[in-house]
């Protein structure tokens, strides 16, 4: 319990200051249309399975990720170039705009893996000391604002890619996720992707 409390405290401390009231949604929409829409789709509803759905994502999480792309803490050559064009104000405006967009429900494509994914997401894997995903990302995948991202309806392929990147160290901007992914095998990662895609 003490470990969980310290992790939650660290997550809150690490989150950049964000005030939705101070954001300019019109400017956010304009910037999104000029910089982000080609890859992430109209209103953040990506139709490309390798690109994340950004609609309805917590703005604090989006600001943090954009800042980390820009600084190089999160490694992605394409996003480094995109984030480099954004000021801190742009990031806050775009993130606030995306948070206001309603995400479309997703669906699993491999129904055979959904049961395994649900078991891990809701209960973890006790004998390997893997905590449930629901503990941080909530039972319905809504996440916890300023701490853990919304996963509900995210593309299965994107979830699988991110878990693989956490596992192999390609993505190293969250130690907690690196530790979890390190204990998952390929089938479990794919099962989680399928289950998360259908969360509502």
Protein backbone atom coordinates (compact mmCIF):
# COMPACT_ATOMS: atom_id res chain seq x y z
CA UNK A 1 0.00 0.00 0.00
CA UNK A 2 2.88 2.34 0.84
CA UNK A 3 4.43 1.64 -2.60
CA UNK A 4 1.14 2.45 -4.34
CA UNK A 5 0.84 5.71 -2.40
CA UNK A 6 4.37 6.74 -3.35
CA UNK A 7 3.74 5.89 -7.02
CA UNK A 8 0.55 7.95 -7.02
CA UNK A 9 2.34 10.86 -5.38
CA UNK A 10 5.17 10.65 -7.93
CA UNK A 11 2.66 10.63 -10.79
CA UNK A 12 0.94 13.76 -9.48
CA UNK A 13 4.23 15.57 -8.90
CA UNK A 14 5.51 14.63 -12.38
CA UNK A 15 2.37 15.87 -14.15
CA UNK A 16 2.84 19.31 -15.73
CA UNK A 17 0.64 22.13 -14.50
CA UNK A 18 -2.56 22.22 -16.52
CA UNK A 19 -5.62 24.41 -16.30
CA UNK A 20 -8.47 23.64 -18.69
CA UNK A 21 -9.99 27.04 -17.93
CA UNK A 22 -6.85 28.76 -19.25
CA UNK A 23 -6.81 26.77 -22.49
CA UNK A 24 -8.05 28.20 -25.79
CA UNK A 25 -10.13 25.44 -27.43
CA UNK A 26 -10.47 27.29 -30.74
CA UNK A 27 -6.69 27.68 -31.03
CA UNK A 28 -6.30 24.07 -29.97
CA UNK A 29 -8.60 22.93 -32.77
CA UNK A 30 -6.75 25.14 -35.26
CA UNK A 31 -3.33 23.82 -34.23
CA UNK A 32 -4.61 20.24 -34.23
CA UNK A 33 -5.96 20.71 -37.76
CA UNK A 34 -2.62 22.03 -38.98
CA UNK A 35 -0.22 19.65 -37.22
CA UNK A 36 -1.94 16.49 -35.93
CA UNK A 37 -5.02 15.63 -37.98
CA UNK A 38 -3.25 13.80 -40.82
CA UNK A 39 -2.09 11.00 -38.50
CA UNK A 40 -4.59 11.14 -35.65
CA UNK A 41 -7.80 11.74 -37.60
CA UNK A 42 -10.72 14.12 -37.35
CA UNK A 43 -11.25 15.18 -33.71
CA UNK A 44 -8.59 12.74 -32.53
CA UNK A 45 -10.45 9.66 -33.78
CA UNK A 46 -7.60 7.88 -35.51
CA UNK A 47 -8.60 5.25 -38.06
CA UNK A 48 -5.02 4.01 -38.43
CA UNK A 49 -4.42 1.16 -35.95
CA UNK A 50 -0.78 2.13 -35.42
CA UNK A 51 -1.71 5.69 -34.41
CA UNK A 52 -3.45 6.26 -31.08
CA UNK A 53 -6.96 7.54 -30.59
CA UNK A 54 -6.54 10.90 -28.82
CA UNK A 55 -10.20 11.91 -28.46
CA UNK A 56 -11.35 12.13 -24.81
CA UNK A 57 -7.82 11.56 -23.49
CA UNK A 58 -6.91 13.32 -20.23
CA UNK A 59 -5.33 16.66 -21.17
CA UNK A 60 -2.68 16.40 -18.44
CA UNK A 61 -1.51 13.10 -19.94
CA UNK A 62 -1.39 14.53 -23.47
CA UNK A 63 0.62 17.58 -22.36
CA UNK A 64 3.08 15.30 -20.55
CA UNK A 65 3.55 13.06 -23.59
CA UNK A 66 3.96 15.97 -26.00
CA UNK A 67 6.50 17.58 -23.67
CA UNK A 68 8.43 14.31 -23.43
CA UNK A 69 8.42 13.86 -27.22
CA UNK A 70 9.75 17.39 -27.58
CA UNK A 71 12.50 16.86 -25.01
CA UNK A 72 13.41 13.42 -26.37
CA UNK A 73 12.48 11.64 -23.13
CA UNK A 74 9.92 9.68 -25.16
CA UNK A 75 11.67 8.45 -28.26
CA UNK A 76 9.80 8.72 -31.58
CA UNK A 77 11.35 10.49 -34.55
CA UNK A 78 8.04 11.48 -36.15
CA UNK A 79 6.54 12.81 -32.92
CA UNK A 80 9.77 14.61 -32.03
CA UNK A 81 9.40 16.61 -35.24
CA UNK A 82 5.71 17.30 -34.64
CA UNK A 83 6.13 18.28 -30.98
CA UNK A 84 9.10 20.50 -31.80
CA UNK A 85 6.69 22.82 -33.63
CA UNK A 86 4.48 23.24 -30.56
CA UNK A 87 4.89 25.78 -27.77
CA UNK A 88 3.80 24.90 -24.23
CA UNK A 89 0.67 26.94 -24.86
CA UNK A 90 -0.03 25.02 -28.09
CA UNK A 91 0.29 21.73 -26.23
CA UNK A 92 -2.18 22.82 -23.57
CA UNK A 93 -4.66 24.14 -26.14
CA UNK A 94 -4.50 21.02 -28.34
CA UNK A 95 -4.78 18.73 -25.31
CA UNK A 96 -7.79 20.62 -23.94
CA UNK A 97 -9.46 20.48 -27.37
CA UNK A 98 -8.89 16.73 -27.66
CA UNK A 99 -10.18 16.09 -24.14
CA UNK A 100 -13.50 17.65 -25.22
CA UNK A 101 -13.93 15.27 -28.18
CA UNK A 102 -15.99 12.11 -27.56
CA UNK A 103 -14.16 8.91 -28.49
CA UNK A 104 -16.00 6.31 -30.54
CA UNK A 105 -16.37 2.86 -28.96
CA UNK A 106 -13.81 0.32 -30.14
CA UNK A 107 -14.04 -3.43 -30.59
CA UNK A 108 -11.79 -6.45 -30.36
CA UNK A 109 -10.80 -8.15 -33.61
CA UNK A 110 -9.60 -11.45 -32.08
CA UNK A 111 -12.44 -12.64 -29.84
CA UNK A 112 -10.49 -15.75 -28.76
CA UNK A 113 -8.02 -13.61 -26.81
CA UNK A 114 -10.55 -11.35 -25.08
CA UNK A 115 -11.15 -13.68 -22.10
CA UNK A 116 -7.44 -13.87 -21.31
CA UNK A 117 -7.10 -10.11 -21.72
CA UNK A 118 -10.01 -9.50 -19.37
CA UNK A 119 -8.53 -11.83 -16.75
CA UNK A 120 -5.20 -9.98 -16.76
CA UNK A 121 -6.74 -6.49 -17.01
CA UNK A 122 -9.12 -7.05 -14.10
CA UNK A 123 -7.13 -9.41 -11.87
CA UNK A 124 -3.48 -9.29 -12.93
CA UNK A 125 -1.32 -12.41 -12.76
CA UNK A 126 -0.77 -13.15 -9.10
CA UNK A 127 1.92 -15.84 -9.39
CA UNK A 128 4.15 -13.43 -11.37
CA UNK A 129 3.36 -10.41 -9.23
CA UNK A 130 1.64 -8.54 -12.08
CA UNK A 131 -0.95 -6.06 -10.81
CA UNK A 132 -4.28 -5.61 -12.54
CA UNK A 133 -4.43 -2.88 -15.19
CA UNK A 134 -7.81 -1.80 -13.78
CA UNK A 135 -6.12 -0.61 -10.59
CA UNK A 136 -4.55 2.33 -12.44
CA UNK A 137 -6.55 2.60 -15.67
CA UNK A 138 -9.94 1.92 -13.98
CA UNK A 139 -12.29 -1.03 -14.66
CA UNK A 140 -13.83 0.60 -17.76
CA UNK A 141 -10.52 1.96 -19.10
CA UNK A 142 -11.35 5.59 -18.31
CA UNK A 143 -8.04 6.06 -16.47
CA UNK A 144 -7.42 8.59 -13.71
CA UNK A 145 -6.98 12.23 -14.78
CA UNK A 146 -3.48 13.67 -14.23
CA UNK A 147 -2.16 10.22 -13.38
CA UNK A 148 -3.08 7.40 -15.76
CA UNK A 149 -4.29 7.64 -19.38
CA UNK A 150 -7.64 6.63 -20.76
CA UNK A 151 -7.32 3.29 -22.61
CA UNK A 152 -10.95 2.55 -23.44
CA UNK A 153 -11.46 2.03 -27.17
CA UNK A 154 -7.79 2.42 -28.03
CA UNK A 155 -6.59 0.47 -31.09
CA UNK A 156 -5.43 -3.03 -30.12
CA UNK A 157 -2.37 -2.73 -32.37
CA UNK A 158 -1.33 0.51 -30.69
CA UNK A 159 -1.65 -1.05 -27.20
CA UNK A 160 0.41 -4.06 -28.30
CA UNK A 161 3.11 -1.83 -29.79
CA UNK A 162 3.35 0.31 -26.65
CA UNK A 163 3.53 -2.71 -24.32
CA UNK A 164 6.23 -4.24 -26.52
CA UNK A 165 8.17 -0.96 -26.48
CA UNK A 166 7.92 -0.76 -22.70
CA UNK A 167 9.09 -4.38 -22.49
CA UNK A 168 12.10 -3.99 -24.80
CA UNK A 169 13.07 -0.56 -23.46
CA UNK A 170 12.32 1.37 -26.66
CA UNK A 171 9.81 3.38 -24.64
CA UNK A 172 11.24 4.22 -21.24
CA UNK A 173 9.27 7.21 -19.99
CA UNK A 174 7.31 5.29 -17.34
CA UNK A 175 9.15 2.90 -15.02
CA UNK A 176 5.94 1.41 -13.65
CA UNK A 177 4.82 0.34 -17.14
CA UNK A 178 8.31 -0.93 -17.99
CA UNK A 179 8.19 -3.17 -14.91
CA UNK A 180 4.73 -4.52 -15.77
CA UNK A 181 5.45 -5.13 -19.46
CA UNK A 182 8.73 -6.92 -18.66
CA UNK A 183 6.71 -9.74 -17.08
CA UNK A 184 4.21 -10.20 -19.93
CA UNK A 185 4.63 -12.65 -22.82
CA UNK A 186 3.57 -12.02 -26.43
CA UNK A 187 0.20 -13.78 -26.09
CA UNK A 188 -0.67 -11.85 -22.92
CA UNK A 189 0.24 -8.55 -24.54
CA UNK A 190 -1.90 -9.32 -27.57
CA UNK A 191 -4.78 -10.41 -25.33
CA UNK A 192 -4.62 -7.14 -23.39
CA UNK A 193 -4.68 -5.17 -26.63
CA UNK A 194 -7.81 -6.98 -27.77
CA UNK A 195 -9.62 -6.58 -24.46
CA UNK A 196 -8.73 -2.90 -24.05
CA UNK A 197 -9.91 -2.12 -27.59
CA UNK A 198 -13.43 -3.20 -26.63
CA UNK A 199 -13.61 -1.51 -23.22
CA UNK A 200 -16.51 0.89 -22.80
